[in-house]
PDB file of N, CA and C in Angstrom:
ATOM      1  N   MET A   1     -18.599   0.825   7.535  1.00  0.00           N
ATOM      2  CA  MET A   1     -17.743   0.531   6.392  1.00  0.00           C
ATOM      3  C   MET A   1     -17.193  -1.034   6.156  1.00  0.00           C
ATOM      4  N   ASP A   2     -17.550  -1.422   5.126  1.00  0.00           N
ATOM      5  CA  ASP A   2     -17.227  -2.870   4.951  1.00  0.00           C
ATOM      6  C   ASP A   2     -15.650  -3.103   4.672  1.00  0.00           C
ATOM      7  N   LYS A   3     -15.282  -4.491   4.895  1.00  0.00           N
ATOM      8  CA  LYS A   3     -13.759  -4.539   4.713  1.00  0.00           C
ATOM      9  C   LYS A   3     -13.323  -4.214   3.214  1.00  0.00           C
ATOM     10  N   SER A   4     -14.156  -4.791   2.051  1.00  0.00           N
ATOM     11  CA  SER A   4     -13.874  -4.132   0.727  1.00  0.00           C
ATOM     12  C   SER A   4     -13.275  -2.935   0.390  1.00  0.00           C
ATOM     13  N   LYS A   5     -13.999  -1.951   0.981  1.00  0.00           N
ATOM     14  CA  LYS A   5     -14.058  -0.562   1.016  1.00  0.00           C
ATOM     15  C   LYS A   5     -12.654  -0.227   1.786  1.00  0.00           C
ATOM     16  N   ILE A   6     -12.526  -0.607   2.800  1.00  0.00           N
ATOM     17  CA  ILE A   6     -11.339  -0.280   3.313  1.00  0.00           C
ATOM     18  C   ILE A   6      -9.823  -0.601   2.653  1.00  0.00           C
ATOM     19  N   LEU A   7     -10.079  -2.039   2.121  1.00  0.00           N
ATOM     20  CA  LEU A   7      -9.103  -2.498   1.380  1.00  0.00           C
ATOM     21  C   LEU A   7      -8.687  -1.700   0.032  1.00  0.00           C
ATOM     22  N   ILE A   8      -9.353  -1.126  -0.452  1.00  0.00           N
ATOM     23  CA  ILE A   8      -9.563  -0.416  -1.608  1.00  0.00           C
ATOM     24  C   ILE A   8      -9.159   1.329  -1.206  1.00  0.00           C
ATOM     25  N   GLN A   9      -9.779   1.800   0.116  1.00  0.00           N
ATOM     26  CA  GLN A   9      -9.043   3.277   0.793  1.00  0.00           C
ATOM     27  C   GLN A   9      -7.568   2.951   0.673  1.00  0.00           C
ATOM     28  N   VAL A  10      -7.126   2.026   1.677  1.00  0.00           N
ATOM     29  CA  VAL A  10      -5.471   1.495   1.746  1.00  0.00           C
ATOM     30  C   VAL A  10      -4.799   1.673   0.368  1.00  0.00           C
ATOM     31  N   GLY A  11      -5.233   0.910  -0.108  1.00  0.00           N
ATOM     32  CA  GLY A  11      -4.676   0.503  -1.434  1.00  0.00           C
ATOM     33  C   GLY A  11      -4.478   1.890  -2.443  1.00  0.00           C
ATOM     34  N   LYS A  12      -5.570   2.828  -2.515  1.00  0.00           N
ATOM     35  CA  LYS A  12      -5.630   3.853  -2.985  1.00  0.00           C
ATOM     36  C   LYS A  12      -4.013   4.937  -2.368  1.00  0.00           C
ATOM     37  N   ARG A  13      -4.699   4.686  -1.337  1.00  0.00           N
ATOM     38  CA  ARG A  13      -3.609   5.421  -0.569  1.00  0.00           C
ATOM     39  C   ARG A  13      -1.939   5.367  -0.454  1.00  0.00           C
ATOM     40  N   ILE A  14      -1.670   3.958  -0.443  1.00  0.00           N
ATOM     41  CA  ILE A  14      -0.203   3.677  -0.908  1.00  0.00           C
ATOM     42  C   ILE A  14      -0.117   3.642  -2.144  1.00  0.00           C
ATOM     43  N   LYS A  15      -0.942   3.861  -3.580  1.00  0.00           N
ATOM     44  CA  LYS A  15      -0.764   4.308  -4.685  1.00  0.00           C
ATOM     45  C   LYS A  15      -0.287   5.506  -5.009  1.00  0.00           C
ATOM     46  N   GLU A  16      -1.337   6.451  -4.054  1.00  0.00           N
ATOM     47  CA  GLU A  16      -1.182   7.790  -4.043  1.00  0.00           C
ATOM     48  C   GLU A  16       0.185   8.255  -3.485  1.00  0.00           C
ATOM     49  N   VAL A  17       0.615   7.790  -2.385  1.00  0.00           N
ATOM     50  CA  VAL A  17       1.882   7.958  -1.701  1.00  0.00           C
ATOM     51  C   VAL A  17       3.217   7.635  -2.664  1.00  0.00           C
ATOM     52  N   ARG A  18       3.177   6.652  -3.254  1.00  0.00           N
ATOM     53  CA  ARG A  18       4.089   6.039  -4.439  1.00  0.00           C
ATOM     54  C   ARG A  18       4.178   6.658  -5.425  1.00  0.00           C
ATOM     55  N   GLU A  19       3.242   7.095  -6.081  1.00  0.00           N
ATOM     56  CA  GLU A  19       2.937   7.938  -7.070  1.00  0.00           C
ATOM     57  C   GLU A  19       3.744   9.126  -7.099  1.00  0.00           C
ATOM     58  N   SER A  20       3.009   9.614  -6.015  1.00  0.00           N
ATOM     59  CA  SER A  20       3.924  11.467  -5.376  1.00  0.00           C
ATOM     60  C   SER A  20       4.998  11.113  -5.432  1.00  0.00           C
ATOM     61  N   LYS A  21       5.910  10.214  -4.772  1.00  0.00           N
ATOM     62  CA  LYS A  21       7.287  10.109  -4.697  1.00  0.00           C
ATOM     63  C   LYS A  21       8.141   9.537  -6.042  1.00  0.00           C
ATOM     64  N   GLY A  22       7.026   9.617  -7.052  1.00  0.00           N
ATOM     65  CA  GLY A  22       7.848   8.772  -8.513  1.00  0.00           C
ATOM     66  C   GLY A  22       8.200   7.446  -8.445  1.00  0.00           C
ATOM     67  N   ILE A  23       7.630   6.374  -7.486  1.00  0.00           N
ATOM     68  CA  ILE A  23       8.085   4.977  -7.965  1.00  0.00           C
ATOM     69  C   ILE A  23       7.268   4.245  -8.320  1.00  0.00           C
ATOM     70  N   SER A  24       7.974   3.284  -9.297  1.00  0.00           N
ATOM     71  CA  SER A  24       6.999   2.539  -9.632  1.00  0.00           C
ATOM     72  C   SER A  24       6.644   1.206  -8.857  1.00  0.00           C
ATOM     73  N   GLN A  25       5.715   0.699  -9.189  1.00  0.00           N
ATOM     74  CA  GLN A  25       5.603  -0.638  -8.367  1.00  0.00           C
ATOM     75  C   GLN A  25       6.878  -1.229  -8.123  1.00  0.00           C
ATOM     76  N   ILE A  26       7.605  -1.147  -9.281  1.00  0.00           N
ATOM     77  CA  ILE A  26       8.559  -2.295  -9.322  1.00  0.00           C
ATOM     78  C   ILE A  26       9.901  -1.750  -8.363  1.00  0.00           C
ATOM     79  N   GLU A  27       9.880  -0.506  -8.624  1.00  0.00           N
ATOM     80  CA  GLU A  27      10.853  -0.055  -7.488  1.00  0.00           C
ATOM     81  C   GLU A  27      10.563  -0.117  -6.378  1.00  0.00           C
ATOM     82  N   LEU A  28       9.043  -0.271  -5.952  1.00  0.00           N
ATOM     83  CA  LEU A  28       8.742  -0.351  -4.530  1.00  0.00           C
ATOM     84  C   LEU A  28       9.241  -1.582  -4.068  1.00  0.00           C
ATOM     85  N   VAL A  29       8.966  -2.686  -4.730  1.00  0.00           N
ATOM     86  CA  VAL A  29       9.263  -3.930  -4.506  1.00  0.00           C
ATOM     87  C   VAL A  29      10.798  -4.227  -4.232  1.00  0.00           C
ATOM     88  N   GLY A  30      11.746  -3.629  -5.150  1.00  0.00           N
ATOM     89  CA  GLY A  30      13.177  -3.449  -4.804  1.00  0.00           C
ATOM     90  C   GLY A  30      13.579  -2.864  -3.158  1.00  0.00           C
ATOM     91  N   ARG A  31      12.668  -1.587  -2.952  1.00  0.00           N
ATOM     92  CA  ARG A  31      13.078  -1.253  -1.604  1.00  0.00           C
ATOM     93  C   ARG A  31      12.412  -2.061  -0.579  1.00  0.00           C
ATOM     94  N   MET A  32      11.821  -2.884  -0.834  1.00  0.00           N
ATOM     95  CA  MET A  32      11.207  -3.746   0.542  1.00  0.00           C
ATOM     96  C   MET A  32      12.000  -4.759   0.983  1.00  0.00           C
ATOM     97  N   GLU A  33      12.048  -4.965   2.011  1.00  0.00           N
ATOM     98  CA  GLU A  33      12.545  -6.398   2.479  1.00  0.00           C
ATOM     99  C   GLU A  33      11.708  -7.363   2.769  1.00  0.00           C
ATOM    100  N   GLY A  34      12.088  -8.552   2.000  1.00  0.00           N
ATOM    101  CA  GLY A  34      11.418  -9.767   1.930  1.00  0.00           C
ATOM    102  C   GLY A  34      11.213 -10.167   0.441  1.00  0.00           C
ATOM    103  N   ASN A  35      10.319 -11.538   0.584  1.00  0.00           N
ATOM    104  CA  ASN A  35       9.804 -11.646  -1.040  1.00  0.00           C
ATOM    105  C   ASN A  35       8.535 -11.040  -1.134  1.00  0.00           C
ATOM    106  N   ILE A  36       8.280 -10.576  -2.365  1.00  0.00           N
ATOM    107  CA  ILE A  36       6.950 -10.032  -2.664  1.00  0.00           C
ATOM    108  C   ILE A  36       7.268  -9.396  -4.058  1.00  0.00           C
ATOM    109  N   ASP A  37       5.934  -9.396  -4.956  1.00  0.00           N
ATOM    110  CA  ASP A  37       6.388  -9.328  -6.265  1.00  0.00           C
ATOM    111  C   ASP A  37       5.487  -8.083  -6.644  1.00  0.00           C
ATOM    112  N   ALA A  38       5.731  -7.408  -7.985  1.00  0.00           N
ATOM    113  CA  ALA A  38       4.901  -6.350  -8.298  1.00  0.00           C
ATOM    114  C   ALA A  38       3.469  -6.453  -8.222  1.00  0.00           C
ATOM    115  N   THR A  39       3.145  -7.927  -8.977  1.00  0.00           N
ATOM    116  CA  THR A  39       1.590  -8.399  -8.821  1.00  0.00           C
ATOM    117  C   THR A  39       1.014  -8.122  -7.897  1.00  0.00           C
ATOM    118  N   ASN A  40       1.909  -8.604  -6.325  1.00  0.00           N
ATOM    119  CA  ASN A  40       1.240  -8.421  -5.269  1.00  0.00           C
ATOM    120  C   ASN A  40       0.993  -7.152  -4.845  1.00  0.00           C
ATOM    121  N   ILE A  41       1.929  -6.162  -5.320  1.00  0.00           N
ATOM    122  CA  ILE A  41       1.671  -4.698  -5.039  1.00  0.00           C
ATOM    123  C   ILE A  41       0.385  -4.468  -5.711  1.00  0.00           C
ATOM    124  N   SER A  42       0.098  -4.555  -6.913  1.00  0.00           N
ATOM    125  CA  SER A  42      -0.611  -4.642  -7.806  1.00  0.00           C
ATOM    126  C   SER A  42      -2.177  -4.764  -7.300  1.00  0.00           C
ATOM    127  N   ARG A  43      -2.012  -6.180  -6.827  1.00  0.00           N
ATOM    128  CA  ARG A  43      -3.385  -6.424  -6.037  1.00  0.00           C
ATOM    129  C   ARG A  43      -3.684  -5.450  -4.694  1.00  0.00           C
ATOM    130  N   ILE A  44      -2.556  -4.957  -3.896  1.00  0.00           N
ATOM    131  CA  ILE A  44      -2.820  -4.355  -2.641  1.00  0.00           C
ATOM    132  C   ILE A  44      -3.474  -3.134  -3.240  1.00  0.00           C
ATOM    133  N   GLU A  45      -2.922  -2.350  -4.205  1.00  0.00           N
ATOM    134  CA  GLU A  45      -3.419  -1.420  -4.500  1.00  0.00           C
ATOM    135  C   GLU A  45      -4.569  -1.080  -5.128  1.00  0.00           C
ATOM    136  N   SER A  46      -5.050  -2.192  -5.537  1.00  0.00           N
ATOM    137  CA  SER A  46      -6.375  -2.035  -6.044  1.00  0.00           C
ATOM    138  C   SER A  46      -7.631  -2.786  -5.225  1.00  0.00           C
ATOM    139  N   GLY A  47      -6.763  -2.910  -3.865  1.00  0.00           N
ATOM    140  CA  GLY A  47      -7.733  -3.466  -2.880  1.00  0.00           C
ATOM    141  C   GLY A  47      -8.210  -5.125  -3.374  1.00  0.00           C
ATOM    142  N   ARG A  48      -7.700  -5.603  -4.076  1.00  0.00           N
ATOM    143  CA  ARG A  48      -7.758  -7.052  -4.387  1.00  0.00           C
ATOM    144  C   ARG A  48      -7.185  -8.085  -3.392  1.00  0.00           C
ATOM    145  N   THR A  49      -6.683  -7.708  -2.515  1.00  0.00           N
ATOM    146  CA  THR A  49      -6.096  -8.616  -1.415  1.00  0.00           C
ATOM    147  C   THR A  49      -5.730  -8.073   0.018  1.00  0.00           C
ATOM    148  N   ASN A  50      -5.951  -8.732   0.773  1.00  0.00           N
ATOM    149  CA  ASN A  50      -5.817  -8.155   2.404  1.00  0.00           C
ATOM    150  C   ASN A  50      -4.472  -8.038   2.575  1.00  0.00           C
ATOM    151  N   PRO A  51      -3.609  -6.977   2.504  1.00  0.00           N
ATOM    152  CA  PRO A  51      -2.174  -7.529   3.027  1.00  0.00           C
ATOM    153  C   PRO A  51      -2.489  -7.530   4.637  1.00  0.00           C
ATOM    154  N   THR A  52      -1.352  -8.313   4.976  1.00  0.00           N
ATOM    155  CA  THR A  52      -0.806  -8.292   6.431  1.00  0.00           C
ATOM    156  C   THR A  52      -0.392  -7.048   7.080  1.00  0.00           C
ATOM    157  N   ILE A  53      -0.262  -6.767   8.593  1.00  0.00           N
ATOM    158  CA  ILE A  53       0.190  -5.390   8.998  1.00  0.00           C
ATOM    159  C   ILE A  53       1.533  -5.809   8.791  1.00  0.00           C
ATOM    160  N   ILE A  54       2.425  -6.752   8.676  1.00  0.00           N
ATOM    161  CA  ILE A  54       3.814  -6.635   8.347  1.00  0.00           C
ATOM    162  C   ILE A  54       4.312  -6.128   6.762  1.00  0.00           C
ATOM    163  N   THR A  55       3.157  -6.766   5.892  1.00  0.00           N
ATOM    164  CA  THR A  55       3.464  -5.868   4.820  1.00  0.00           C
ATOM    165  C   THR A  55       3.444  -4.688   4.186  1.00  0.00           C
ATOM    166  N   LEU A  56       2.283  -4.243   5.431  1.00  0.00           N
ATOM    167  CA  LEU A  56       1.809  -2.531   5.001  1.00  0.00           C
ATOM    168  C   LEU A  56       3.017  -1.937   5.924  1.00  0.00           C
ATOM    169  N   TYR A  57       3.528  -2.878   6.739  1.00  0.00           N
ATOM    170  CA  TYR A  57       4.753  -1.951   7.697  1.00  0.00           C
ATOM    171  C   TYR A  57       5.890  -2.046   6.718  1.00  0.00           C
ATOM    172  N   ARG A  58       6.124  -3.073   5.892  1.00  0.00           N
ATOM    173  CA  ARG A  58       7.608  -2.919   5.180  1.00  0.00           C
ATOM    174  C   ARG A  58       6.956  -1.811   3.625  1.00  0.00           C
ATOM    175  N   ILE A  59       5.787  -1.625   3.219  1.00  0.00           N
ATOM    176  CA  ILE A  59       5.249  -1.120   2.380  1.00  0.00           C
ATOM    177  C   ILE A  59       5.848   0.632   3.021  1.00  0.00           C
ATOM    178  N   SER A  60       5.176   0.770   4.284  1.00  0.00           N
ATOM    179  CA  SER A  60       5.794   2.260   4.729  1.00  0.00           C
ATOM    180  C   SER A  60       7.063   2.677   4.877  1.00  0.00           C
ATOM    181  N   ILE A  61       7.829   1.557   5.260  1.00  0.00           N
ATOM    182  CA  ILE A  61       9.106   1.753   5.252  1.00  0.00           C
ATOM    183  C   ILE A  61       9.869   2.166   3.854  1.00  0.00           C
ATOM    184  N   ALA A  62       9.647   1.244   2.964  1.00  0.00           N
ATOM    185  CA  ALA A  62      10.158   1.557   1.404  1.00  0.00           C
ATOM    186  C   ALA A  62       9.412   2.719   1.104  1.00  0.00           C
ATOM    187  N   LEU A  63       8.189   3.426   1.496  1.00  0.00           N
ATOM    188  CA  LEU A  63       7.654   4.610   0.982  1.00  0.00           C
ATOM    189  C   LEU A  63       8.487   5.449   1.555  1.00  0.00           C
ATOM    190  N   GLU A  64       9.002   5.025   2.744  1.00  0.00           N
ATOM    191  CA  GLU A  64       9.731   6.186   3.631  1.00  0.00           C
ATOM    192  C   GLU A  64       8.634   7.268   4.300  1.00  0.00           C
ATOM    193  N   ILE A  65       7.485   6.755   5.044  1.00  0.00           N
ATOM    194  CA  ILE A  65       6.439   6.970   5.804  1.00  0.00           C
ATOM    195  C   ILE A  65       6.318   6.300   6.966  1.00  0.00           C
ATOM    196  N   SER A  66       5.679   6.871   7.672  1.00  0.00           N
ATOM    197  CA  SER A  66       4.894   6.192   8.870  1.00  0.00           C
ATOM    198  C   SER A  66       3.986   5.170   8.538  1.00  0.00           C
ATOM    199  N   LEU A  67       3.400   3.963   9.228  1.00  0.00           N
ATOM    200  CA  LEU A  67       2.583   3.275   9.024  1.00  0.00           C
ATOM    201  C   LEU A  67       1.192   3.792   8.969  1.00  0.00           C
ATOM    202  N   SER A  68       1.429   5.066  10.609  1.00  0.00           N
ATOM    203  CA  SER A  68       0.009   5.348  10.409  1.00  0.00           C
ATOM    204  C   SER A  68      -0.383   6.220   9.163  1.00  0.00           C
ATOM    205  N   GLU A  69       0.920   6.754   8.441  1.00  0.00           N
ATOM    206  CA  GLU A  69       0.272   7.746   7.370  1.00  0.00           C
ATOM    207  C   GLU A  69      -0.204   6.980   6.120  1.00  0.00           C
ATOM    208  N   LEU A  70      -0.238   5.630   5.885  1.00  0.00           N
ATOM    209  CA  LEU A  70      -1.277   4.878   5.137  1.00  0.00           C
ATOM    210  C   LEU A  70      -2.542   4.812   5.168  1.00  0.00           C
ATOM    211  N   PHE A  71      -2.978   5.122   6.314  1.00  0.00           N
ATOM    212  CA  PHE A  71      -4.428   5.067   6.925  1.00  0.00           C
ATOM    213  C   PHE A  71      -4.989   6.584   7.029  1.00  0.00           C
ATOM    214  N   LEU A  72      -4.208   7.428   6.344  1.00  0.00           N
ATOM    215  CA  LEU A  72      -4.658   8.812   6.551  1.00  0.00           C
ATOM    216  C   LEU A  72      -5.545   8.882   5.059  1.00  0.00           C
ATOM    217  N   MET A  73      -6.551   9.184   5.085  1.00  0.00           N
ATOM    218  CA  MET A  73      -7.474   8.763   4.072  1.00  0.00           C
ATOM    219  C   MET A  73      -8.991   9.339   4.260  1.00  0.00           C
ATOM    220  N   LYS A  74      -9.540   9.635   3.440  1.00  0.00           N
ATOM    221  CA  LYS A  74     -11.184   9.856   3.982  1.00  0.00           C
ATOM    222  C   LYS A  74     -11.843   8.781   3.610  1.00  0.00           C
ATOM    223  N   PHE A  75     -12.600   8.462   4.718  1.00  0.00           N
ATOM    224  CA  PHE A  75     -13.492   7.376   4.549  1.00  0.00           C
ATOM    225  C   PHE A  75     -15.159   7.921   4.257  1.00  0.00           C
ATOM    226  N   SER A  76     -15.655   7.654   3.572  1.00  0.00           N
ATOM    227  CA  SER A  76     -16.936   7.797   2.986  1.00  0.00           C
ATOM    228  C   SER A  76     -17.834   6.590   2.951  1.00  0.00           C
ATOM    229  N   ASN A  77     -18.849   6.443   3.363  1.00  0.00           N
ATOM    230  CA  ASN A  77     -19.875   5.352   3.408  1.00  0.00           C
ATOM    231  C   ASN A  77     -20.791   5.295   2.028  1.00  0.00           C
TER     232      ASN A  77
END
């Protein structure tokens, strides 16, 4: 699987979890530590940027899930 497909799948998973909890992108930013804006969350969710592991960790904490849960997804070639 190439890098872009992985980024898209991770982004979809973040969006899926966020929406299942009824959290907007702006609310997610408000729950995260550090400087990040909603446009960056949008780019992550659409797979247009490669977030650092620290950013993914901060997202998982804000979503109240483990980091490993962000990677529970179906990969298809």
